[in-house]
All heavy atoms as atom14 arrays in JSON, in Angstrom:
{
  "sequence": "RLTEKPGRVAIYGWHKLDGKAIQLLTIVHGETYVDYSHGVRLMKR",
  "atom14_mask": [
    [1, 1, 1, 1, 1, 1, 1, 1, 1, 1, 1, 0, 0, 0],
    [1, 1, 1, 1, 1, 1, 1, 1, 0, 0, 0, 0, 0, 0],
    [1, 1, 1, 1, 1, 1, 1, 0, 0, 0, 0, 0, 0, 0],
    [1, 1, 1, 1, 1, 1, 1, 1, 1, 0, 0, 0, 0, 0],
    [1, 1, 1, 1, 1, 1, 1, 1, 1, 0, 0, 0, 0, 0],
    [1, 1, 1, 1, 1, 1, 1, 0, 0, 0, 0, 0, 0, 0],
    [1, 1, 1, 1, 0, 0, 0, 0, 0, 0, 0, 0, 0, 0],
    [1, 1, 1, 1, 1, 1, 1, 1, 1, 1, 1, 0, 0, 0],
    [1, 1, 1, 1, 1, 1, 1, 0, 0, 0, 0, 0, 0, 0],
    [1, 1, 1, 1, 1, 0, 0, 0, 0, 0, 0, 0, 0, 0],
    [1, 1, 1, 1, 1, 1, 1, 1, 0, 0, 0, 0, 0, 0],
    [1, 1, 1, 1, 1, 1, 1, 1, 1, 1, 1, 1, 0, 0],
    [1, 1, 1, 1, 0, 0, 0, 0, 0, 0, 0, 0, 0, 0],
    [1, 1, 1, 1, 1, 1, 1, 1, 1, 1, 1, 1, 1, 1],
    [1, 1, 1, 1, 1, 1, 1, 1, 1, 1, 0, 0, 0, 0],
    [1, 1, 1, 1, 1, 1, 1, 1, 1, 0, 0, 0, 0, 0],
    [1, 1, 1, 1, 1, 1, 1, 1, 0, 0, 0, 0, 0, 0],
    [1, 1, 1, 1, 1, 1, 1, 1, 0, 0, 0, 0, 0, 0],
    [1, 1, 1, 1, 0, 0, 0, 0, 0, 0, 0, 0, 0, 0],
    [1, 1, 1, 1, 1, 1, 1, 1, 1, 0, 0, 0, 0, 0],
    [1, 1, 1, 1, 1, 0, 0, 0, 0, 0, 0, 0, 0, 0],
    [1, 1, 1, 1, 1, 1, 1, 1, 0, 0, 0, 0, 0, 0],
    [1, 1, 1, 1, 1, 1, 1, 1, 1, 0, 0, 0, 0, 0],
    [1, 1, 1, 1, 1, 1, 1, 1, 0, 0, 0, 0, 0, 0],
    [1, 1, 1, 1, 1, 1, 1, 1, 0, 0, 0, 0, 0, 0],
    [1, 1, 1, 1, 1, 1, 1, 0, 0, 0, 0, 0, 0, 0],
    [1, 1, 1, 1, 1, 1, 1, 1, 0, 0, 0, 0, 0, 0],
    [1, 1, 1, 1, 1, 1, 1, 0, 0, 0, 0, 0, 0, 0],
    [1, 1, 1, 1, 1, 1, 1, 1, 1, 1, 0, 0, 0, 0],
    [1, 1, 1, 1, 0, 0, 0, 0, 0, 0, 0, 0, 0, 0],
    [1, 1, 1, 1, 1, 1, 1, 1, 1, 0, 0, 0, 0, 0],
    [1, 1, 1, 1, 1, 1, 1, 0, 0, 0, 0, 0, 0, 0],
    [1, 1, 1, 1, 1, 1, 1, 1, 1, 1, 1, 1, 0, 0],
    [1, 1, 1, 1, 1, 1, 1, 0, 0, 0, 0, 0, 0, 0],
    [1, 1, 1, 1, 1, 1, 1, 1, 0, 0, 0, 0, 0, 0],
    [1, 1, 1, 1, 1, 1, 1, 1, 1, 1, 1, 1, 0, 0],
    [1, 1, 1, 1, 1, 1, 0, 0, 0, 0, 0, 0, 0, 0],
    [1, 1, 1, 1, 1, 1, 1, 1, 1, 1, 0, 0, 0, 0],
    [1, 1, 1, 1, 0, 0, 0, 0, 0, 0, 0, 0, 0, 0],
    [1, 1, 1, 1, 1, 1, 1, 0, 0, 0, 0, 0, 0, 0],
    [1, 1, 1, 1, 1, 1, 1, 1, 1, 1, 1, 0, 0, 0],
    [1, 1, 1, 1, 1, 1, 1, 1, 0, 0, 0, 0, 0, 0],
    [1, 1, 1, 1, 1, 1, 1, 1, 0, 0, 0, 0, 0, 0],
    [1, 1, 1, 1, 1, 1, 1, 1, 1, 0, 0, 0, 0, 0],
    [1, 1, 1, 1, 1, 1, 1, 1, 1, 1, 1, 0, 0, 0]
  ],
  "atom14_positions": [
    [[11.33, 0.84, 0.08], [11.26, -0.23, 1.08], [11.12, -1.61, 0.42], [11.36, -2.63, 1.07], [10.1, 0.01, 2.04], [10.31, 1.2, 2.97], [9.4, 1.11, 4.17], [9.64, -0.11, 4.93], [8.79, -0.59, 5.84], [7.66, 0.05, 6.09], [9.07, -1.7, 6.49], [0.0, 0.0, 0.0], [0.0, 0.0, 0.0], [0.0, 0.0, 0.0]],
    [[10.75, -1.63, -0.84], [10.64, -2.91, -1.53], [11.99, -3.59, -1.7], [12.06, -4.77, -2.06], [9.98, -2.71, -2.9], [8.49, -2.32, -2.85], [8.02, -1.87, -4.21], [7.65, -3.49, -2.34], [0.0, 0.0, 0.0], [0.0, 0.0, 0.0], [0.0, 0.0, 0.0], [0.0, 0.0, 0.0], [0.0, 0.0, 0.0], [0.0, 0.0, 0.0]],
    [[13.09, -2.85, -1.46], [14.41, -3.47, -1.5], [14.74, -4.21, -0.21], [15.71, -4.97, -0.16], [15.5, -2.4, -1.73], [15.52, -1.48, -0.63], [15.24, -1.63, -3.02], [0.0, 0.0, 0.0], [0.0, 0.0, 0.0], [0.0, 0.0, 0.0], [0.0, 0.0, 0.0], [0.0, 0.0, 0.0], [0.0, 0.0, 0.0], [0.0, 0.0, 0.0]],
    [[13.92, -4.02, 0.83], [14.22, -4.64, 2.13], [13.97, -6.14, 2.13], [14.72, -6.91, 2.72], [13.38, -3.98, 3.22], [13.69, -2.5, 3.45], [12.72, -1.87, 4.45], [12.0, -2.63, 5.14], [12.67, -0.63, 4.52], [0.0, 0.0, 0.0], [0.0, 0.0, 0.0], [0.0, 0.0, 0.0], [0.0, 0.0, 0.0], [0.0, 0.0, 0.0]],
    [[12.86, -6.54, 1.48], [12.48, -7.94, 1.45], [11.97, -8.28, 0.06], [11.3, -7.48, -0.58], [11.38, -8.24, 2.48], [11.8, -8.06, 3.92], [10.64, -8.39, 4.86], [11.04, -8.22, 6.32], [9.9, -8.51, 7.23], [0.0, 0.0, 0.0], [0.0, 0.0, 0.0], [0.0, 0.0, 0.0], [0.0, 0.0, 0.0], [0.0, 0.0, 0.0]],
    [[12.28, -9.47, -0.42], [11.8, -9.86, -1.74], [10.33, -10.21, -1.73], [9.78, -10.65, -0.71], [12.65, -11.09, -2.08], [12.97, -11.68, -0.75], [13.13, -10.51, 0.19], [0.0, 0.0, 0.0], [0.0, 0.0, 0.0], [0.0, 0.0, 0.0], [0.0, 0.0, 0.0], [0.0, 0.0, 0.0], [0.0, 0.0, 0.0], [0.0, 0.0, 0.0]],
    [[9.67, -9.99, -2.86], [8.31, -10.47, -3.06], [7.26, -9.83, -2.19], [6.37, -10.52, -1.68], [0.0, 0.0, 0.0], [0.0, 0.0, 0.0], [0.0, 0.0, 0.0], [0.0, 0.0, 0.0], [0.0, 0.0, 0.0], [0.0, 0.0, 0.0], [0.0, 0.0, 0.0], [0.0, 0.0, 0.0], [0.0, 0.0, 0.0], [0.0, 0.0, 0.0]],
    [[7.32, -8.52, -2.0], [6.35, -7.82, -1.17], [5.55, -6.8, -1.98], [5.94, -6.41, -3.08], [7.05, -7.11, -0.01], [7.79, -8.03, 0.94], [6.86, -9.05, 1.58], [7.56, -10.05, 2.35], [7.4, -10.22, 3.67], [6.59, -9.43, 4.35], [8.06, -11.18, 4.28], [0.0, 0.0, 0.0], [0.0, 0.0, 0.0], [0.0, 0.0, 0.0]],
    [[4.44, -6.35, -1.4], [3.66, -5.26, -1.97], [3.7, -4.1, -0.98], [3.63, -4.31, 0.23], [2.2, -5.68, -2.24], [1.5, -6.19, -0.98], [1.41, -4.52, -2.84], [0.0, 0.0, 0.0], [0.0, 0.0, 0.0], [0.0, 0.0, 0.0], [0.0, 0.0, 0.0], [0.0, 0.0, 0.0], [0.0, 0.0, 0.0], [0.0, 0.0, 0.0]],
    [[3.86, -2.89, -1.49], [3.86, -1.69, -0.65], [2.46, -1.08, -0.68], [1.93, -0.79, -1.76], [4.9, -0.69, -1.13], [0.0, 0.0, 0.0], [0.0, 0.0, 0.0], [0.0, 0.0, 0.0], [0.0, 0.0, 0.0], [0.0, 0.0, 0.0], [0.0, 0.0, 0.0], [0.0, 0.0, 0.0], [0.0, 0.0, 0.0], [0.0, 0.0, 0.0]],
    [[1.89, -0.87, 0.51], [0.54, -0.33, 0.64], [0.58, 0.91, 1.52], [1.3, 0.96, 2.51], [-0.41, -1.37, 1.28], [-0.47, -2.64, 0.42], [-1.81, -0.8, 1.47], [-1.12, -2.46, -0.91], [0.0, 0.0, 0.0], [0.0, 0.0, 0.0], [0.0, 0.0, 0.0], [0.0, 0.0, 0.0], [0.0, 0.0, 0.0], [0.0, 0.0, 0.0]],
    [[-0.21, 1.91, 1.15], [-0.25, 3.14, 1.93], [-1.58, 3.86, 1.73], [-2.17, 3.8, 0.64], [0.88, 4.08, 1.52], [0.76, 5.47, 2.15], [1.09, 5.66, 3.48], [0.28, 6.55, 1.41], [0.95, 6.92, 4.07], [0.16, 7.8, 1.99], [0.49, 7.98, 3.32], [0.35, 9.2, 3.91], [0.0, 0.0, 0.0], [0.0, 0.0, 0.0]],
    [[-2.03, 4.56, 2.78], [-3.13, 5.51, 2.59], [-4.42, 5.16, 3.28], [-4.44, 4.74, 4.41], [0.0, 0.0, 0.0], [0.0, 0.0, 0.0], [0.0, 0.0, 0.0], [0.0, 0.0, 0.0], [0.0, 0.0, 0.0], [0.0, 0.0, 0.0], [0.0, 0.0, 0.0], [0.0, 0.0, 0.0], [0.0, 0.0, 0.0], [0.0, 0.0, 0.0]],
    [[-5.53, 5.32, 2.55], [-6.89, 5.26, 3.07], [-7.07, 6.37, 4.1], [-7.23, 6.14, 5.29], [-7.18, 3.89, 3.67], [-8.61, 3.47, 3.45], [-9.56, 4.14, 2.77], [-9.23, 2.27, 3.92], [-10.74, 3.44, 2.76], [-10.55, 2.29, 3.48], [-8.79, 1.19, 4.68], [-11.45, 1.26, 3.76], [-9.69, 0.18, 4.96], [-10.99, 0.2, 4.52]],
    [[-6.98, 7.59, 3.59], [-7.02, 8.78, 4.45], [-8.4, 9.0, 5.06], [-9.42, 8.86, 4.4], [-6.64, 10.02, 3.64], [-5.24, 10.01, 3.13], [-4.84, 9.24, 2.07], [-4.12, 10.7, 3.55], [-3.56, 9.45, 1.84], [-3.09, 10.31, 2.72], [0.0, 0.0, 0.0], [0.0, 0.0, 0.0], [0.0, 0.0, 0.0], [0.0, 0.0, 0.0]],
    [[-8.37, 9.36, 6.33], [-9.6, 9.75, 7.02], [-9.9, 11.22, 6.7], [-9.09, 11.92, 6.1], [-9.44, 9.55, 8.52], [-9.21, 8.08, 8.91], [-9.14, 7.9, 10.41], [-7.89, 8.55, 11.0], [-7.76, 8.29, 12.45], [0.0, 0.0, 0.0], [0.0, 0.0, 0.0], [0.0, 0.0, 0.0], [0.0, 0.0, 0.0], [0.0, 0.0, 0.0]],
    [[-11.05, 11.69, 7.12], [-11.45, 13.06, 6.8], [-10.54, 14.11, 7.43], [-10.51, 15.25, 6.97], [-12.91, 13.29, 7.23], [-13.96, 12.49, 6.44], [-15.37, 12.8, 6.97], [-13.87, 12.81, 4.96], [0.0, 0.0, 0.0], [0.0, 0.0, 0.0], [0.0, 0.0, 0.0], [0.0, 0.0, 0.0], [0.0, 0.0, 0.0], [0.0, 0.0, 0.0]],
    [[-9.78, 13.73, 8.46], [-8.83, 14.68, 9.05], [-7.51, 14.71, 8.29], [-6.56, 15.39, 8.67], [-8.59, 14.37, 10.52], [-7.98, 12.97, 10.75], [-7.65, 12.29, 9.76], [-7.85, 12.57, 11.93], [0.0, 0.0, 0.0], [0.0, 0.0, 0.0], [0.0, 0.0, 0.0], [0.0, 0.0, 0.0], [0.0, 0.0, 0.0], [0.0, 0.0, 0.0]],
    [[-7.42, 13.92, 7.18], [-6.23, 13.91, 6.35], [-5.18, 12.9, 6.76], [-4.17, 12.74, 6.07], [0.0, 0.0, 0.0], [0.0, 0.0, 0.0], [0.0, 0.0, 0.0], [0.0, 0.0, 0.0], [0.0, 0.0, 0.0], [0.0, 0.0, 0.0], [0.0, 0.0, 0.0], [0.0, 0.0, 0.0], [0.0, 0.0, 0.0], [0.0, 0.0, 0.0]],
    [[-5.39, 12.2, 7.87], [-4.42, 11.21, 8.34], [-4.71, 9.85, 7.69], [-5.86, 9.43, 7.6], [-4.45, 11.1, 9.86], [-4.02, 12.38, 10.57], [-4.07, 12.21, 12.08], [-3.63, 13.48, 12.78], [-3.69, 13.34, 14.27], [0.0, 0.0, 0.0], [0.0, 0.0, 0.0], [0.0, 0.0, 0.0], [0.0, 0.0, 0.0], [0.0, 0.0, 0.0]],
    [[-3.64, 9.17, 7.3], [-3.79, 7.87, 6.65], [-3.99, 6.77, 7.69], [-3.26, 6.71, 8.68], [-2.58, 7.57, 5.8], [0.0, 0.0, 0.0], [0.0, 0.0, 0.0], [0.0, 0.0, 0.0], [0.0, 0.0, 0.0], [0.0, 0.0, 0.0], [0.0, 0.0, 0.0], [0.0, 0.0, 0.0], [0.0, 0.0, 0.0], [0.0, 0.0, 0.0]],
    [[-4.98, 5.91, 7.46], [-5.17, 4.75, 8.33], [-3.98, 3.8, 8.21], [-3.45, 3.29, 9.2], [-6.47, 4.0, 7.94], [-7.7, 4.84, 8.3], [-6.54, 2.64, 8.64], [-9.01, 4.19, 7.89], [0.0, 0.0, 0.0], [0.0, 0.0, 0.0], [0.0, 0.0, 0.0], [0.0, 0.0, 0.0], [0.0, 0.0, 0.0], [0.0, 0.0, 0.0]],
    [[-3.55, 3.6, 6.96], [-2.46, 2.66, 6.7], [-1.16, 3.41, 6.44], [-1.0, 4.06, 5.42], [-2.8, 1.79, 5.48], [-1.72, 0.81, 5.1], [-1.48, -0.2, 6.19], [-2.33, -1.06, 6.46], [-0.34, -0.13, 6.85], [0.0, 0.0, 0.0], [0.0, 0.0, 0.0], [0.0, 0.0, 0.0], [0.0, 0.0, 0.0], [0.0, 0.0, 0.0]],
    [[-0.23, 3.32, 7.37], [1.1, 3.85, 7.12], [1.79, 2.94, 6.1], [1.39, 1.79, 5.9], [1.9, 3.93, 8.42], [1.3, 4.82, 9.51], [2.2, 4.81, 10.74], [1.07, 6.23, 9.02], [0.0, 0.0, 0.0], [0.0, 0.0, 0.0], [0.0, 0.0, 0.0], [0.0, 0.0, 0.0], [0.0, 0.0, 0.0], [0.0, 0.0, 0.0]],
    [[2.82, 3.44, 5.47], [3.52, 2.67, 4.44], [3.99, 1.33, 5.03], [4.7, 1.3, 6.04], [4.72, 3.45, 3.91], [5.53, 2.75, 2.81], [4.68, 2.56, 1.56], [6.77, 3.57, 2.48], [0.0, 0.0, 0.0], [0.0, 0.0, 0.0], [0.0, 0.0, 0.0], [0.0, 0.0, 0.0], [0.0, 0.0, 0.0], [0.0, 0.0, 0.0]],
    [[3.61, 0.24, 4.38], [3.97, -1.08, 4.89], [4.3, -2.01, 3.75], [3.75, -1.88, 2.65], [2.81, -1.69, 5.71], [3.2, -2.99, 6.19], [1.55, -1.84, 4.89], [0.0, 0.0, 0.0], [0.0, 0.0, 0.0], [0.0, 0.0, 0.0], [0.0, 0.0, 0.0], [0.0, 0.0, 0.0], [0.0, 0.0, 0.0], [0.0, 0.0, 0.0]],
    [[5.18, -2.96, 4.02], [5.47, -4.04, 3.08], [5.27, -5.38, 3.78], [5.89, -6.38, 3.44], [6.9, -3.93, 2.52], [7.94, -3.96, 3.65], [7.07, -2.69, 1.66], [9.37, -4.17, 3.16], [0.0, 0.0, 0.0], [0.0, 0.0, 0.0], [0.0, 0.0, 0.0], [0.0, 0.0, 0.0], [0.0, 0.0, 0.0], [0.0, 0.0, 0.0]],
    [[4.36, -5.42, 4.76], [4.16, -6.62, 5.56], [3.58, -7.76, 4.73], [3.84, -8.93, 5.03], [3.25, -6.31, 6.77], [1.84, -5.96, 6.34], [3.25, -7.48, 7.76], [0.0, 0.0, 0.0], [0.0, 0.0, 0.0], [0.0, 0.0, 0.0], [0.0, 0.0, 0.0], [0.0, 0.0, 0.0], [0.0, 0.0, 0.0], [0.0, 0.0, 0.0]],
    [[2.82, -7.43, 3.68], [2.16, -8.47, 2.9], [3.02, -8.92, 1.73], [3.74, -8.13, 1.12], [0.82, -7.97, 2.36], [-0.2, -7.7, 3.43], [-0.65, -8.69, 4.28], [-0.87, -6.56, 3.77], [-1.54, -8.16, 5.11], [-1.69, -6.88, 4.83], [0.0, 0.0, 0.0], [0.0, 0.0, 0.0], [0.0, 0.0, 0.0], [0.0, 0.0, 0.0]],
    [[2.88, -10.2, 1.39], [3.53, -10.73, 0.2], [2.88, -10.17, -1.06], [1.75, -9.66, -1.03], [0.0, 0.0, 0.0], [0.0, 0.0, 0.0], [0.0, 0.0, 0.0], [0.0, 0.0, 0.0], [0.0, 0.0, 0.0], [0.0, 0.0, 0.0], [0.0, 0.0, 0.0], [0.0, 0.0, 0.0], [0.0, 0.0, 0.0], [0.0, 0.0, 0.0]],
    [[3.57, -10.31, -2.16], [3.12, -9.7, -3.42], [1.83, -10.29, -3.96], [1.17, -9.69, -4.81], [4.21, -9.83, -4.48], [4.53, -11.27, -4.83], [5.72, -11.41, -5.76], [6.36, -10.4, -6.06], [6.0, -12.53, -6.18], [0.0, 0.0, 0.0], [0.0, 0.0, 0.0], [0.0, 0.0, 0.0], [0.0, 0.0, 0.0], [0.0, 0.0, 0.0]],
    [[1.43, -11.47, -3.48], [0.19, -12.07, -3.95], [-0.98, -11.8, -3.01], [-2.09, -12.31, -3.23], [0.34, -13.58, -4.14], [0.73, -14.18, -2.89], [1.39, -13.89, -5.2], [0.0, 0.0, 0.0], [0.0, 0.0, 0.0], [0.0, 0.0, 0.0], [0.0, 0.0, 0.0], [0.0, 0.0, 0.0], [0.0, 0.0, 0.0], [0.0, 0.0, 0.0]],
    [[-0.76, -10.98, -1.98], [-1.86, -10.67, -1.07], [-2.7, -9.53, -1.65], [-2.17, -8.46, -2.0], [-1.34, -10.27, 0.31], [-2.46, -9.89, 1.26], [-3.19, -10.86, 1.92], [-2.81, -8.56, 1.46], [-4.24, -10.53, 2.77], [-3.85, -8.21, 2.31], [-4.56, -9.2, 2.96], [-5.6, -8.86, 3.79], [0.0, 0.0, 0.0], [0.0, 0.0, 0.0]],
    [[-3.99, -9.74, -1.73], [-4.93, -8.72, -2.22], [-6.17, -8.76, -1.34], [-6.75, -9.83, -1.13], [-5.35, -8.98, -3.68], [-6.25, -7.86, -4.18], [-4.13, -9.12, -4.58], [0.0, 0.0, 0.0], [0.0, 0.0, 0.0], [0.0, 0.0, 0.0], [0.0, 0.0, 0.0], [0.0, 0.0, 0.0], [0.0, 0.0, 0.0], [0.0, 0.0, 0.0]],
    [[-6.59, -7.61, -0.83], [-7.88, -7.59, -0.14], [-8.72, -6.41, -0.63], [-8.28, -5.6, -1.46], [-7.71, -7.6, 1.39], [-7.21, -6.28, 1.98], [-7.54, -5.19, 1.45], [-6.5, -6.33, 3.01], [0.0, 0.0, 0.0], [0.0, 0.0, 0.0], [0.0, 0.0, 0.0], [0.0, 0.0, 0.0], [0.0, 0.0, 0.0], [0.0, 0.0, 0.0]],
    [[-9.95, -6.35, -0.14], [-10.96, -5.4, -0.61], [-10.51, -3.95, -0.5], [-10.99, -3.07, -1.24], [-12.24, -5.59, 0.2], [-12.15, -4.97, 1.58], [-12.64, -3.69, 1.83], [-11.49, -5.63, 2.62], [-12.51, -3.1, 3.08], [-11.35, -5.05, 3.85], [-11.87, -3.79, 4.09], [-11.72, -3.19, 5.31], [0.0, 0.0, 0.0], [0.0, 0.0, 0.0]],
    [[-9.6, -3.64, 0.44], [-9.24, -2.25, 0.71], [-8.19, -1.71, -0.25], [-7.93, -0.5, -0.28], [-8.72, -2.11, 2.14], [-7.47, -2.78, 2.3], [0.0, 0.0, 0.0], [0.0, 0.0, 0.0], [0.0, 0.0, 0.0], [0.0, 0.0, 0.0], [0.0, 0.0, 0.0], [0.0, 0.0, 0.0], [0.0, 0.0, 0.0], [0.0, 0.0, 0.0]],
    [[-7.58, -2.57, -1.06], [-6.5, -2.14, -1.97], [-7.08, -1.5, -3.22], [-8.08, -1.96, -3.77], [-5.64, -3.33, -2.38], [-4.91, -3.96, -1.25], [-3.98, -4.96, -1.43], [-4.95, -3.75, 0.09], [-3.49, -5.33, -0.25], [-4.08, -4.62, 0.68], [0.0, 0.0, 0.0], [0.0, 0.0, 0.0], [0.0, 0.0, 0.0], [0.0, 0.0, 0.0]],
    [[-6.43, -0.45, -3.69], [-6.82, 0.2, -4.93], [-5.59, 0.58, -5.74], [-4.51, 0.79, -5.2], [0.0, 0.0, 0.0], [0.0, 0.0, 0.0], [0.0, 0.0, 0.0], [0.0, 0.0, 0.0], [0.0, 0.0, 0.0], [0.0, 0.0, 0.0], [0.0, 0.0, 0.0], [0.0, 0.0, 0.0], [0.0, 0.0, 0.0], [0.0, 0.0, 0.0]],
    [[-5.77, 0.66, -7.05], [-4.69, 1.05, -7.95], [-5.11, 2.31, -8.7], [-6.02, 2.28, -9.53], [-4.35, -0.07, -8.95], [-3.32, 0.42, -9.96], [-3.83, -1.3, -8.21], [0.0, 0.0, 0.0], [0.0, 0.0, 0.0], [0.0, 0.0, 0.0], [0.0, 0.0, 0.0], [0.0, 0.0, 0.0], [0.0, 0.0, 0.0], [0.0, 0.0, 0.0]],
    [[-4.48, 3.42, -8.35], [-4.73, 4.68, -9.06], [-3.48, 4.99, -9.88], [-2.41, 5.25, -9.33], [-4.99, 5.83, -8.09], [-5.45, 7.11, -8.82], [-5.33, 8.32, -7.91], [-6.08, 8.21, -6.69], [-7.35, 8.61, -6.51], [-8.0, 9.15, -7.52], [-7.93, 8.48, -5.33], [0.0, 0.0, 0.0], [0.0, 0.0, 0.0], [0.0, 0.0, 0.0]],
    [[-3.6, 4.96, -11.19], [-2.46, 5.16, -12.06], [-2.21, 6.63, -12.33], [-3.13, 7.44, -12.33], [-2.67, 4.43, -13.39], [-2.85, 2.92, -13.3], [-3.05, 2.33, -14.69], [-1.67, 2.26, -12.6], [0.0, 0.0, 0.0], [0.0, 0.0, 0.0], [0.0, 0.0, 0.0], [0.0, 0.0, 0.0], [0.0, 0.0, 0.0], [0.0, 0.0, 0.0]],
    [[-0.94, 6.95, -12.54], [-0.54, 8.29, -12.96], [0.15, 8.19, -14.31], [0.76, 7.17, -14.63], [0.39, 8.94, -11.93], [1.71, 8.25, -11.74], [2.74, 8.99, -10.42], [3.02, 10.64, -11.07], [0.0, 0.0, 0.0], [0.0, 0.0, 0.0], [0.0, 0.0, 0.0], [0.0, 0.0, 0.0], [0.0, 0.0, 0.0], [0.0, 0.0, 0.0]],
    [[0.07, 9.23, -15.11], [0.73, 9.21, -16.41], [2.24, 9.21, -16.26], [2.78, 9.85, -15.35], [0.28, 10.4, -17.25], [-1.15, 10.28, -17.77], [-1.47, 11.38, -18.78], [-2.87, 11.21, -19.36], [-3.19, 12.26, -20.35], [0.0, 0.0, 0.0], [0.0, 0.0, 0.0], [0.0, 0.0, 0.0], [0.0, 0.0, 0.0], [0.0, 0.0, 0.0]],
    [[2.92, 8.49, -17.17], [4.38, 8.41, -17.11], [5.04, 9.76, -17.36], [6.09, 10.07, -16.79], [4.89, 7.41, -18.16], [4.84, 5.97, -17.76], [5.93, 5.62, -16.77], [7.26, 5.7, -17.29], [7.96, 4.68, -17.72], [7.44, 3.47, -17.73], [9.21, 4.82, -18.16], [0.0, 0.0, 0.0], [0.0, 0.0, 0.0], [0.0, 0.0, 0.0]]
  ]
}
């Protein structure tokens, strides 16, 4: 979805205990938007 609009960040998740994500995949925010709820979990290449 990052190909849809330039300069965006893709955010997803924050799962509740029932396994459902509060945040569906979104690119509504610009790439410089950061708030307290964002996290970066890295995976090995």
